[in-house]
């Protein structure tokens, strides 16, 4: 079982344009899609598509359109009733794959919501193999919320199976910086190039996408600060995986992108799919880039199944291993 937690979920509407975005003009949409979203929800959708058992934990009342959409897609979930309505996000995709996102801030939560959410996550994650904490935080939650969740889950101790879940985090900005600064340490983080640069202060998004060794160096600095593994997605340039044992770079054959919405979430799901199958670091990275590539070739925020991916076509390169004295 893999549990995902999305603190700030969204009902995602994707509008596919038939031509390049014309600011200030009037355009007709080629197609539209509406799907339950948010990073953790997307990971659960991708895991479900590949036949893995998962449950999505999130705030929201049962009558909220977001929760209605989850039930319609038969996505297992556990929710906490809140006063506000879950946000709606809009994504515009252009024929060349360019994606423009407009994200609402989300409903404001209070201290009682915070405590109840942490309790809900702890109860659902006790017997999970992985717990995925993903996405932004809604107004009202403290910036160190993810560090508090990690601490609470670990303090709860092992579940009936005698194990505690491994924890993966996919966030950005102040919440991710607070998690790293807390020193709690997690089993995996999944930044993109821009987020990796932001967290580490090394280069910028363009630099890290263009230079895998720079991305490796940035990811290595996070391993040295307590992250067991860093999966850094680099857009069309592939991804880098760094652990205490070394680093690897993976690329996929070029594709014509349809929508990059959820591609990073799909990459994380691919990594977990391979991990659950006992994959090596090489195999986990290959499956991650294969999942991301497949997602980018599908419309809207559609998540691919493993059968739609081609990890065997990934090119995986061993990067300079971390020295033994570090």
C-alpha atoms as a PDB file:
ATOM      1  CA  UNK A   1       0.000   0.000   0.000  1.00  0.00           C
ATOM      2  CA  UNK A   2       1.221   3.491  -0.878  1.00  0.00           C
ATOM      3  CA  UNK A   3      -0.473   6.404   0.882  1.00  0.00           C
ATOM      4  CA  UNK A   4      -0.375   9.868  -0.664  1.00  0.00           C
ATOM      5  CA  UNK A   5      -1.185  13.076   1.169  1.00  0.00           C
ATOM      6  CA  UNK A   6      -2.184  16.220  -0.702  1.00  0.00           C
ATOM      7  CA  UNK A   7      -2.597  19.159   1.668  1.00  0.00           C
ATOM      8  CA  UNK A   8      -3.823  21.502  -1.065  1.00  0.00           C
ATOM      9  CA  UNK A   9      -5.692  19.421  -3.676  1.00  0.00           C
ATOM     10  CA  UNK A  10      -7.401  20.886  -6.704  1.00  0.00           C
ATOM     11  CA  UNK A  11     -10.029  20.169  -9.292  1.00  0.00           C
ATOM     12  CA  UNK A  12      -7.899  20.565 -12.406  1.00  0.00           C
ATOM     13  CA  UNK A  13      -9.354  21.855 -15.650  1.00  0.00           C
ATOM     14  CA  UNK A  14      -7.103  21.508 -18.693  1.00  0.00           C
ATOM     15  CA  UNK A  15      -7.923  23.535 -21.799  1.00  0.00           C
ATOM     16  CA  UNK A  16      -6.198  22.454 -25.013  1.00  0.00           C
ATOM     17  CA  UNK A  17      -5.700  25.321 -27.445  1.00  0.00           C
ATOM     18  CA  UNK A  18      -5.599  24.745 -31.191  1.00  0.00           C
ATOM     19  CA  UNK A  19      -3.003  27.488 -31.669  1.00  0.00           C
ATOM     20  CA  UNK A  20      -0.428  29.424 -29.646  1.00  0.00           C
ATOM     21  CA  UNK A  21      -1.802  31.427 -26.730  1.00  0.00           C
ATOM     22  CA  UNK A  22      -2.842  34.898 -27.878  1.00  0.00           C
ATOM     23  CA  UNK A  23      -2.792  37.192 -24.851  1.00  0.00           C
ATOM     24  CA  UNK A  24      -5.690  39.644 -25.003  1.00  0.00           C
ATOM     25  CA  UNK A  25      -7.305  37.786 -27.866  1.00  0.00           C
ATOM     26  CA  UNK A  26     -10.246  35.412 -28.194  1.00  0.00           C
ATOM     27  CA  UNK A  27      -9.463  31.755 -28.831  1.00  0.00           C
ATOM     28  CA  UNK A  28     -11.445  28.576 -29.181  1.00  0.00           C
ATOM     29  CA  UNK A  29     -10.495  25.526 -27.180  1.00  0.00           C
ATOM     30  CA  UNK A  30      -9.676  22.353 -29.040  1.00  0.00           C
ATOM     31  CA  UNK A  31     -10.701  20.193 -26.083  1.00  0.00           C
ATOM     32  CA  UNK A  32     -11.179  20.410 -22.308  1.00  0.00           C
ATOM     33  CA  UNK A  33     -10.770  17.946 -19.457  1.00  0.00           C
ATOM     34  CA  UNK A  34     -11.607  18.133 -15.753  1.00  0.00           C
ATOM     35  CA  UNK A  35      -9.925  15.747 -13.322  1.00  0.00           C
ATOM     36  CA  UNK A  36      -9.265  15.542  -9.586  1.00  0.00           C
ATOM     37  CA  UNK A  37      -5.706  16.695  -9.013  1.00  0.00           C
ATOM     38  CA  UNK A  38      -2.946  17.916  -6.799  1.00  0.00           C
ATOM     39  CA  UNK A  39       0.440  16.217  -6.725  1.00  0.00           C
ATOM     40  CA  UNK A  40      -0.397  13.444  -4.295  1.00  0.00           C
ATOM     41  CA  UNK A  41      -3.720  12.697  -5.968  1.00  0.00           C
ATOM     42  CA  UNK A  42      -1.929  12.484  -9.326  1.00  0.00           C
ATOM     43  CA  UNK A  43       0.581  10.018  -7.878  1.00  0.00           C
ATOM     44  CA  UNK A  44      -2.279   7.875  -6.578  1.00  0.00           C
ATOM     45  CA  UNK A  45      -3.978   8.011  -9.981  1.00  0.00           C
ATOM     46  CA  UNK A  46      -0.760   6.857 -11.672  1.00  0.00           C
ATOM     47  CA  UNK A  47      -0.228   4.078  -9.134  1.00  0.00           C
ATOM     48  CA  UNK A  48      -3.815   2.889  -9.619  1.00  0.00           C
ATOM     49  CA  UNK A  49      -3.334   2.852 -13.389  1.00  0.00           C
ATOM     50  CA  UNK A  50      -0.390   0.497 -12.838  1.00  0.00           C
ATOM     51  CA  UNK A  51      -2.343  -1.795 -10.535  1.00  0.00           C
ATOM     52  CA  UNK A  52      -0.803  -0.780  -7.200  1.00  0.00           C
ATOM     53  CA  UNK A  53      -2.844  -0.398  -4.044  1.00  0.00           C
ATOM     54  CA  UNK A  54      -3.026   3.232  -2.920  1.00  0.00           C
ATOM     55  CA  UNK A  55      -5.135   5.658  -0.942  1.00  0.00           C
ATOM     56  CA  UNK A  56      -5.199   9.432  -1.330  1.00  0.00           C
ATOM     57  CA  UNK A  57      -5.520  11.452   1.892  1.00  0.00           C
ATOM     58  CA  UNK A  58      -6.711  15.057   1.569  1.00  0.00           C
ATOM     59  CA  UNK A  59      -8.916  17.760   3.114  1.00  0.00           C
ATOM     60  CA  UNK A  60     -12.414  18.280   1.722  1.00  0.00           C
ATOM     61  CA  UNK A  61     -16.074  17.590   2.433  1.00  0.00           C
ATOM     62  CA  UNK A  62     -17.823  14.679   0.744  1.00  0.00           C
ATOM     63  CA  UNK A  63     -20.038  17.050  -1.284  1.00  0.00           C
ATOM     64  CA  UNK A  64     -17.105  19.060  -2.639  1.00  0.00           C
ATOM     65  CA  UNK A  65     -16.817  18.734  -6.448  1.00  0.00           C
ATOM     66  CA  UNK A  66     -13.240  17.506  -5.968  1.00  0.00           C
ATOM     67  CA  UNK A  67     -14.364  14.613  -3.757  1.00  0.00           C
ATOM     68  CA  UNK A  68     -17.238  13.890  -6.137  1.00  0.00           C
ATOM     69  CA  UNK A  69     -14.695  13.603  -8.951  1.00  0.00           C
ATOM     70  CA  UNK A  70     -12.529  11.250  -6.864  1.00  0.00           C
ATOM     71  CA  UNK A  71     -15.497   8.968  -6.310  1.00  0.00           C
ATOM     72  CA  UNK A  72     -16.403   9.094  -9.990  1.00  0.00           C
ATOM     73  CA  UNK A  73     -12.897   7.896 -10.879  1.00  0.00           C
ATOM     74  CA  UNK A  74     -13.061   5.264  -8.115  1.00  0.00           C
ATOM     75  CA  UNK A  75      -9.896   6.568  -6.456  1.00  0.00           C
ATOM     76  CA  UNK A  76      -9.648   5.252  -2.878  1.00  0.00           C
ATOM     77  CA  UNK A  77      -9.398   8.203  -0.515  1.00  0.00           C
ATOM     78  CA  UNK A  78      -9.764   9.433   3.044  1.00  0.00           C
ATOM     79  CA  UNK A  79     -10.760  13.033   3.658  1.00  0.00           C
ATOM     80  CA  UNK A  80     -11.125  15.547   6.455  1.00  0.00           C
ATOM     81  CA  UNK A  81     -14.186  17.787   6.316  1.00  0.00           C
ATOM     82  CA  UNK A  82     -13.208  21.472   6.189  1.00  0.00           C
ATOM     83  CA  UNK A  83     -15.118  24.740   5.996  1.00  0.00           C
ATOM     84  CA  UNK A  84     -13.853  25.920   2.614  1.00  0.00           C
ATOM     85  CA  UNK A  85     -14.190  24.596  -0.901  1.00  0.00           C
ATOM     86  CA  UNK A  86     -11.243  22.879  -2.598  1.00  0.00           C
ATOM     87  CA  UNK A  87      -9.610  25.108  -5.188  1.00  0.00           C
ATOM     88  CA  UNK A  88      -9.906  24.861  -8.956  1.00  0.00           C
ATOM     89  CA  UNK A  89      -6.806  25.201 -11.140  1.00  0.00           C
ATOM     90  CA  UNK A  90      -6.691  25.980 -14.847  1.00  0.00           C
ATOM     91  CA  UNK A  91      -4.056  24.724 -17.277  1.00  0.00           C
ATOM     92  CA  UNK A  92      -3.684  25.962 -20.862  1.00  0.00           C
ATOM     93  CA  UNK A  93      -1.783  23.721 -23.257  1.00  0.00           C
ATOM     94  CA  UNK A  94      -0.556  24.843 -26.688  1.00  0.00           C
ATOM     95  CA  UNK A  95       0.092  22.601 -29.730  1.00  0.00           C
ATOM     96  CA  UNK A  96       3.877  22.653 -29.160  1.00  0.00           C
ATOM     97  CA  UNK A  97       3.457  21.383 -25.591  1.00  0.00           C
ATOM     98  CA  UNK A  98       3.863  24.771 -23.884  1.00  0.00           C
ATOM     99  CA  UNK A  99       1.886  24.697 -20.654  1.00  0.00           C
ATOM    100  CA  UNK A 100       0.535  27.666 -18.704  1.00  0.00           C
ATOM    101  CA  UNK A 101      -0.930  27.046 -15.246  1.00  0.00           C
ATOM    102  CA  UNK A 102      -3.151  29.284 -13.125  1.00  0.00           C
ATOM    103  CA  UNK A 103      -3.315  27.949  -9.564  1.00  0.00           C
ATOM    104  CA  UNK A 104      -5.656  29.247  -6.874  1.00  0.00           C
ATOM    105  CA  UNK A 105      -4.323  29.525  -3.290  1.00  0.00           C
ATOM    106  CA  UNK A 106      -6.742  27.025  -1.791  1.00  0.00           C
ATOM    107  CA  UNK A 107      -9.072  27.231   1.252  1.00  0.00           C
ATOM    108  CA  UNK A 108      -7.663  28.574   4.517  1.00  0.00           C
ATOM    109  CA  UNK A 109      -7.185  25.970   7.254  1.00  0.00           C
ATOM    110  CA  UNK A 110      -6.771  26.533  10.986  1.00  0.00           C
ATOM    111  CA  UNK A 111      -4.873  24.858  13.825  1.00  0.00           C
ATOM    112  CA  UNK A 112      -7.634  22.347  14.479  1.00  0.00           C
ATOM    113  CA  UNK A 113      -7.548  21.344  10.796  1.00  0.00           C
ATOM    114  CA  UNK A 114      -3.770  20.952  11.037  1.00  0.00           C
ATOM    115  CA  UNK A 115      -3.979  18.622  14.030  1.00  0.00           C
ATOM    116  CA  UNK A 116      -6.786  16.580  12.495  1.00  0.00           C
ATOM    117  CA  UNK A 117      -4.967  16.242   9.166  1.00  0.00           C
ATOM    118  CA  UNK A 118      -1.811  14.992  10.870  1.00  0.00           C
ATOM    119  CA  UNK A 119      -3.853  12.475  12.874  1.00  0.00           C
ATOM    120  CA  UNK A 120      -5.559  11.282   9.681  1.00  0.00           C
ATOM    121  CA  UNK A 121      -2.251  10.826   7.854  1.00  0.00           C
ATOM    122  CA  UNK A 122      -0.699   8.966  10.804  1.00  0.00           C
ATOM    123  CA  UNK A 123      -3.650   6.578  11.069  1.00  0.00           C
ATOM    124  CA  UNK A 124      -3.696   5.801   7.340  1.00  0.00           C
ATOM    125  CA  UNK A 125       0.084   5.461   6.943  1.00  0.00           C
ATOM    126  CA  UNK A 126       0.762   3.042   9.806  1.00  0.00           C
ATOM    127  CA  UNK A 127       0.940  -0.045   7.558  1.00  0.00           C
ATOM    128  CA  UNK A 128       1.951   1.646   4.294  1.00  0.00           C
ATOM    129  CA  UNK A 129       5.139   0.835   2.392  1.00  0.00           C
ATOM    130  CA  UNK A 130       5.473   4.479   1.353  1.00  0.00           C
ATOM    131  CA  UNK A 131       3.921   7.769   2.419  1.00  0.00           C
ATOM    132  CA  UNK A 132       4.077  10.497  -0.227  1.00  0.00           C
ATOM    133  CA  UNK A 133       3.714  14.109   0.981  1.00  0.00           C
ATOM    134  CA  UNK A 134       3.122  16.249  -2.067  1.00  0.00           C
ATOM    135  CA  UNK A 135       2.302  19.725  -3.264  1.00  0.00           C
ATOM    136  CA  UNK A 136       1.913  23.215  -1.861  1.00  0.00           C
ATOM    137  CA  UNK A 137       0.392  24.112   1.495  1.00  0.00           C
ATOM    138  CA  UNK A 138      -2.935  25.943   1.728  1.00  0.00           C
ATOM    139  CA  UNK A 139      -3.204  29.216   3.662  1.00  0.00           C
ATOM    140  CA  UNK A 140      -3.180  28.709   7.426  1.00  0.00           C
ATOM    141  CA  UNK A 141      -0.859  25.714   7.676  1.00  0.00           C
ATOM    142  CA  UNK A 142       2.602  26.436   9.158  1.00  0.00           C
ATOM    143  CA  UNK A 143       5.562  26.465   6.818  1.00  0.00           C
ATOM    144  CA  UNK A 144       7.126  23.499   8.659  1.00  0.00           C
ATOM    145  CA  UNK A 145       3.960  21.415   8.321  1.00  0.00           C
ATOM    146  CA  UNK A 146       5.634  18.617   6.368  1.00  0.00           C
ATOM    147  CA  UNK A 147       8.383  18.311   8.988  1.00  0.00           C
ATOM    148  CA  UNK A 148       5.639  18.012  11.622  1.00  0.00           C
ATOM    149  CA  UNK A 149       3.905  15.260   9.648  1.00  0.00           C
ATOM    150  CA  UNK A 150       7.152  13.306   9.235  1.00  0.00           C
ATOM    151  CA  UNK A 151       7.870  13.579  12.956  1.00  0.00           C
ATOM    152  CA  UNK A 152       4.347  12.486  13.918  1.00  0.00           C
ATOM    153  CA  UNK A 153       4.431   9.471  11.579  1.00  0.00           C
ATOM    154  CA  UNK A 154       7.767   8.310  12.947  1.00  0.00           C
ATOM    155  CA  UNK A 155       6.762   8.916  16.564  1.00  0.00           C
ATOM    156  CA  UNK A 156       3.676   6.750  16.011  1.00  0.00           C
ATOM    157  CA  UNK A 157       5.952   3.751  15.608  1.00  0.00           C
ATOM    158  CA  UNK A 158       5.461   0.644  13.464  1.00  0.00           C
ATOM    159  CA  UNK A 159       2.056  -0.620  12.441  1.00  0.00           C
ATOM    160  CA  UNK A 160       0.642  -4.144  12.524  1.00  0.00           C
ATOM    161  CA  UNK A 161       3.260  -5.303  10.021  1.00  0.00           C
ATOM    162  CA  UNK A 162       6.048  -4.125  12.312  1.00  0.00           C
ATOM    163  CA  UNK A 163       7.345  -1.476   9.922  1.00  0.00           C
ATOM    164  CA  UNK A 164       7.079   2.267   9.468  1.00  0.00           C
ATOM    165  CA  UNK A 165       6.518   3.760   6.027  1.00  0.00           C
ATOM    166  CA  UNK A 166       9.313   5.215   3.990  1.00  0.00           C
ATOM    167  CA  UNK A 167       8.571   8.857   3.243  1.00  0.00           C
ATOM    168  CA  UNK A 168       8.821  10.708  -0.057  1.00  0.00           C
ATOM    169  CA  UNK A 169       8.272  14.457  -0.395  1.00  0.00           C
ATOM    170  CA  UNK A 170       7.509  16.443  -3.546  1.00  0.00           C
ATOM    171  CA  UNK A 171       7.062  20.099  -2.677  1.00  0.00           C
ATOM    172  CA  UNK A 172       8.813  23.402  -3.246  1.00  0.00           C
ATOM    173  CA  UNK A 173       9.510  26.851  -1.855  1.00  0.00           C
ATOM    174  CA  UNK A 174       9.319  27.549   1.860  1.00  0.00           C
ATOM    175  CA  UNK A 175       7.678  24.209   2.853  1.00  0.00           C
ATOM    176  CA  UNK A 176      10.481  22.192   1.241  1.00  0.00           C
ATOM    177  CA  UNK A 177      13.169  24.515   2.595  1.00  0.00           C
ATOM    178  CA  UNK A 178      11.695  24.148   6.103  1.00  0.00           C
ATOM    179  CA  UNK A 179      11.659  20.368   5.768  1.00  0.00           C
ATOM    180  CA  UNK A 180      15.332  20.265   4.758  1.00  0.00           C
ATOM    181  CA  UNK A 181      16.286  22.746   7.500  1.00  0.00           C
ATOM    182  CA  UNK A 182      14.446  20.699  10.144  1.00  0.00           C
ATOM    183  CA  UNK A 183      16.928  17.868   9.784  1.00  0.00           C
ATOM    184  CA  UNK A 184      14.221  15.185  10.113  1.00  0.00           C
ATOM    185  CA  UNK A 185      15.524  13.455   6.990  1.00  0.00           C
ATOM    186  CA  UNK A 186      13.305  11.606   4.512  1.00  0.00           C
ATOM    187  CA  UNK A 187      13.770   8.632   2.220  1.00  0.00           C
ATOM    188  CA  UNK A 188      13.190  10.466  -1.067  1.00  0.00           C
ATOM    189  CA  UNK A 189      12.586  13.959  -2.362  1.00  0.00           C
ATOM    190  CA  UNK A 190      11.586  14.754  -5.939  1.00  0.00           C
ATOM    191  CA  UNK A 191      12.344  18.320  -7.000  1.00  0.00           C
ATOM    192  CA  UNK A 192      12.361  19.524 -10.595  1.00  0.00           C
ATOM    193  CA  UNK A 193      15.362  21.509 -11.845  1.00  0.00           C
ATOM    194  CA  UNK A 194      14.004  24.893 -10.748  1.00  0.00           C
ATOM    195  CA  UNK A 195      13.063  23.576  -7.309  1.00  0.00           C
ATOM    196  CA  UNK A 196      16.442  21.862  -6.903  1.00  0.00           C
ATOM    197  CA  UNK A 197      18.216  25.134  -7.653  1.00  0.00           C
ATOM    198  CA  UNK A 198      15.946  26.977  -5.238  1.00  0.00           C
ATOM    199  CA  UNK A 199      16.516  24.499  -2.392  1.00  0.00           C
ATOM    200  CA  UNK A 200      20.289  24.283  -2.781  1.00  0.00           C
ATOM    201  CA  UNK A 201      21.242  27.721  -4.127  1.00  0.00           C
ATOM    202  CA  UNK A 202      23.198  25.980  -6.900  1.00  0.00           C
ATOM    203  CA  UNK A 203      22.628  27.413 -10.390  1.00  0.00           C
ATOM    204  CA  UNK A 204      19.140  27.900 -11.763  1.00  0.00           C
ATOM    205  CA  UNK A 205      16.558  25.713 -13.439  1.00  0.00           C
ATOM    206  CA  UNK A 206      18.018  26.165 -16.925  1.00  0.00           C
ATOM    207  CA  UNK A 207      21.561  25.452 -15.754  1.00  0.00           C
ATOM    208  CA  UNK A 208      20.607  22.247 -13.965  1.00  0.00           C
ATOM    209  CA  UNK A 209      18.514  20.975 -16.876  1.00  0.00           C
ATOM    210  CA  UNK A 210      21.399  21.610 -19.266  1.00  0.00           C
ATOM    211  CA  UNK A 211      24.186  20.230 -17.072  1.00  0.00           C
ATOM    212  CA  UNK A 212      23.515  16.843 -15.434  1.00  0.00           C
ATOM    213  CA  UNK A 213      26.744  17.051 -13.423  1.00  0.00           C
ATOM    214  CA  UNK A 214      25.568  20.350 -11.918  1.00  0.00           C
ATOM    215  CA  UNK A 215      22.224  18.710 -11.108  1.00  0.00           C
ATOM    216  CA  UNK A 216      24.133  15.788  -9.590  1.00  0.00           C
ATOM    217  CA  UNK A 217      26.189  18.140  -7.429  1.00  0.00           C
ATOM    218  CA  UNK A 218      23.081  19.953  -6.214  1.00  0.00           C
ATOM    219  CA  UNK A 219      21.268  16.696  -5.442  1.00  0.00           C
ATOM    220  CA  UNK A 220      24.368  15.325  -3.710  1.00  0.00           C
ATOM    221  CA  UNK A 221      24.347  18.292  -1.325  1.00  0.00           C
ATOM    222  CA  UNK A 222      20.846  17.271  -0.220  1.00  0.00           C
ATOM    223  CA  UNK A 223      21.918  13.652   0.329  1.00  0.00           C
ATOM    224  CA  UNK A 224      24.692  14.986   2.545  1.00  0.00           C
ATOM    225  CA  UNK A 225      22.043  16.910   4.518  1.00  0.00           C
ATOM    226  CA  UNK A 226      20.005  13.811   5.343  1.00  0.00           C
ATOM    227  CA  UNK A 227      17.863  12.960   2.299  1.00  0.00           C
ATOM    228  CA  UNK A 228      18.402   9.265   1.550  1.00  0.00           C
ATOM    229  CA  UNK A 229      17.664   9.733  -2.162  1.00  0.00           C
ATOM    230  CA  UNK A 230      17.006  12.632  -4.524  1.00  0.00           C
ATOM    231  CA  UNK A 231      15.106  12.114  -7.772  1.00  0.00           C
ATOM    232  CA  UNK A 232      15.536  15.356  -9.708  1.00  0.00           C
ATOM    233  CA  UNK A 233      13.403  15.578 -12.840  1.00  0.00           C
ATOM    234  CA  UNK A 234      14.922  17.721 -15.588  1.00  0.00           C
ATOM    235  CA  UNK A 235      12.026  18.096 -18.007  1.00  0.00           C
ATOM    236  CA  UNK A 236      12.755  16.847 -21.506  1.00  0.00           C
ATOM    237  CA  UNK A 237      16.395  16.314 -20.471  1.00  0.00           C
ATOM    238  CA  UNK A 238      15.499  13.331 -18.266  1.00  0.00           C
ATOM    239  CA  UNK A 239      16.233  12.903 -14.571  1.00  0.00           C
ATOM    240  CA  UNK A 240      19.035  12.397 -12.070  1.00  0.00           C
ATOM    241  CA  UNK A 241      18.930  10.006  -9.115  1.00  0.00           C
ATOM    242  CA  UNK A 242      21.448  10.451  -6.294  1.00  0.00           C
ATOM    243  CA  UNK A 243      21.851   8.307  -3.174  1.00  0.00           C
ATOM    244  CA  UNK A 244      24.708   7.683  -0.740  1.00  0.00           C
ATOM    245  CA  UNK A 245      25.887   4.939  -3.112  1.00  0.00           C
ATOM    246  CA  UNK A 246      26.230   7.159  -6.173  1.00  0.00           C
ATOM    247  CA  UNK A 247      24.400   8.975  -8.937  1.00  0.00           C
ATOM    248  CA  UNK A 248      22.721   8.118 -12.228  1.00  0.00           C
ATOM    249  CA  UNK A 249      21.368  10.133 -15.169  1.00  0.00           C
ATOM    250  CA  UNK A 250      18.558   8.847 -17.404  1.00  0.00           C
ATOM    251  CA  UNK A 251      17.136  10.163 -20.657  1.00  0.00           C
ATOM    252  CA  UNK A 252      14.355   9.000 -22.961  1.00  0.00           C
ATOM    253  CA  UNK A 253      14.076   9.213 -26.762  1.00  0.00           C
ATOM    254  CA  UNK A 254      12.518  12.537 -27.870  1.00  0.00           C
ATOM    255  CA  UNK A 255       8.734  12.739 -28.005  1.00  0.00           C
ATOM    256  CA  UNK A 256       6.210  15.261 -29.242  1.00  0.00           C
ATOM    257  CA  UNK A 257       4.739  16.552 -25.968  1.00  0.00           C
ATOM    258  CA  UNK A 258       0.977  16.897 -25.698  1.00  0.00           C
ATOM    259  CA  UNK A 259       0.739  18.086 -22.089  1.00  0.00           C
ATOM    260  CA  UNK A 260       3.395  18.225 -19.387  1.00  0.00           C
ATOM    261  CA  UNK A 261       0.770  18.505 -16.623  1.00  0.00           C
ATOM    262  CA  UNK A 262       1.461  15.811 -14.044  1.00  0.00           C
ATOM    263  CA  UNK A 263       4.587  14.498 -15.782  1.00  0.00           C
ATOM    264  CA  UNK A 264       6.686  14.999 -12.650  1.00  0.00           C
ATOM    265  CA  UNK A 265       4.024  13.314 -10.507  1.00  0.00           C
ATOM    266  CA  UNK A 266       4.005  10.410 -12.953  1.00  0.00           C
ATOM    267  CA  UNK A 267       7.809  10.166 -12.704  1.00  0.00           C
ATOM    268  CA  UNK A 268       7.555   9.809  -8.933  1.00  0.00           C
ATOM    269  CA  UNK A 269       4.882   7.147  -9.363  1.00  0.00           C
ATOM    270  CA  UNK A 270       7.119   5.288 -11.827  1.00  0.00           C
ATOM    271  CA  UNK A 271       9.952   5.300  -9.318  1.00  0.00           C
ATOM    272  CA  UNK A 272       7.637   3.844  -6.649  1.00  0.00           C
ATOM    273  CA  UNK A 273       6.229   1.231  -9.053  1.00  0.00           C
ATOM    274  CA  UNK A 274       9.749  -0.023  -9.728  1.00  0.00           C
ATOM    275  CA  UNK A 275      10.708   0.134  -6.054  1.00  0.00           C
ATOM    276  CA  UNK A 276       7.685  -1.965  -5.098  1.00  0.00           C
ATOM    277  CA  UNK A 277       8.822  -4.501  -7.715  1.00  0.00           C
ATOM    278  CA  UNK A 278      12.285  -4.642  -6.126  1.00  0.00           C
ATOM    279  CA  UNK A 279      13.987  -2.554  -8.789  1.00  0.00           C
ATOM    280  CA  UNK A 280      17.609  -1.445  -8.544  1.00  0.00           C
ATOM    281  CA  UNK A 281      18.446   2.294  -8.548  1.00  0.00           C
ATOM    282  CA  UNK A 282      19.128   1.963 -12.292  1.00  0.00           C
ATOM    283  CA  UNK A 283      15.718   0.368 -12.866  1.00  0.00           C
ATOM    284  CA  UNK A 284      13.848   2.803 -10.597  1.00  0.00           C
ATOM    285  CA  UNK A 285      15.320   5.753 -12.484  1.00  0.00           C
ATOM    286  CA  UNK A 286      14.567   4.207 -15.890  1.00  0.00           C
ATOM    287  CA  UNK A 287      10.947   3.613 -14.879  1.00  0.00           C
ATOM    288  CA  UNK A 288      10.672   7.148 -13.513  1.00  0.00           C
ATOM    289  CA  UNK A 289      11.721   8.784 -16.801  1.00  0.00           C
ATOM    290  CA  UNK A 290       9.619   6.317 -18.792  1.00  0.00           C
ATOM    291  CA  UNK A 291       6.537   7.231 -16.762  1.00  0.00           C
ATOM    292  CA  UNK A 292       7.254  10.956 -17.115  1.00  0.00           C
ATOM    293  CA  UNK A 293       7.748  10.678 -20.868  1.00  0.00           C
ATOM    294  CA  UNK A 294       4.537   8.675 -21.284  1.00  0.00           C
ATOM    295  CA  UNK A 295       2.572  11.223 -19.246  1.00  0.00           C
ATOM    296  CA  UNK A 296       3.848  14.107 -21.388  1.00  0.00           C
ATOM    297  CA  UNK A 297       2.581  12.331 -24.503  1.00  0.00           C
ATOM    298  CA  UNK A 298      -0.969  12.066 -23.124  1.00  0.00           C
ATOM    299  CA  UNK A 299      -3.635  14.821 -22.987  1.00  0.00           C
ATOM    300  CA  UNK A 300      -4.447  16.872 -19.897  1.00  0.00           C
ATOM    301  CA  UNK A 301      -3.307  15.300 -16.648  1.00  0.00           C
ATOM    302  CA  UNK A 302      -3.870  11.733 -17.827  1.00  0.00           C
ATOM    303  CA  UNK A 303      -1.651   9.296 -15.913  1.00  0.00           C
ATOM    304  CA  UNK A 304      -0.117   6.371 -17.840  1.00  0.00           C
ATOM    305  CA  UNK A 305      -0.159   2.740 -16.807  1.00  0.00           C
ATOM    306  CA  UNK A 306       3.127   0.836 -16.642  1.00  0.00           C
ATOM    307  CA  UNK A 307       2.111  -1.011 -19.821  1.00  0.00           C
ATOM    308  CA  UNK A 308       2.134   2.348 -21.656  1.00  0.00           C
ATOM    309  CA  UNK A 309       5.724   3.086 -20.650  1.00  0.00           C
ATOM    310  CA  UNK A 310       8.992   1.943 -22.244  1.00  0.00           C
ATOM    311  CA  UNK A 311      11.732   1.882 -19.611  1.00  0.00           C
ATOM    312  CA  UNK A 312      13.828  -0.370 -21.830  1.00  0.00           C
ATOM    313  CA  UNK A 313      14.387   2.601 -24.167  1.00  0.00           C
ATOM    314  CA  UNK A 314      15.840   4.761 -21.381  1.00  0.00           C
ATOM    315  CA  UNK A 315      19.555   5.522 -21.519  1.00  0.00           C
ATOM    316  CA  UNK A 316      21.000   5.391 -18.010  1.00  0.00           C
ATOM    317  CA  UNK A 317      24.480   6.767 -17.348  1.00  0.00           C
ATOM    318  CA  UNK A 318      26.464   6.311 -14.151  1.00  0.00           C
ATOM    319  CA  UNK A 319      27.634   9.654 -12.788  1.00  0.00           C
ATOM    320  CA  UNK A 320      30.640  10.187 -10.514  1.00  0.00           C
ATOM    321  CA  UNK A 321      29.866   8.253  -7.302  1.00  0.00           C
ATOM    322  CA  UNK A 322      29.881  10.026  -3.970  1.00  0.00           C
ATOM    323  CA  UNK A 323      33.249   9.488  -2.294  1.00  0.00           C
ATOM    324  CA  UNK A 324      33.358   7.107   0.664  1.00  0.00           C
ATOM    325  CA  UNK A 325      34.648   9.750   3.065  1.00  0.00           C
ATOM    326  CA  UNK A 326      31.584  11.984   2.688  1.00  0.00           C
END
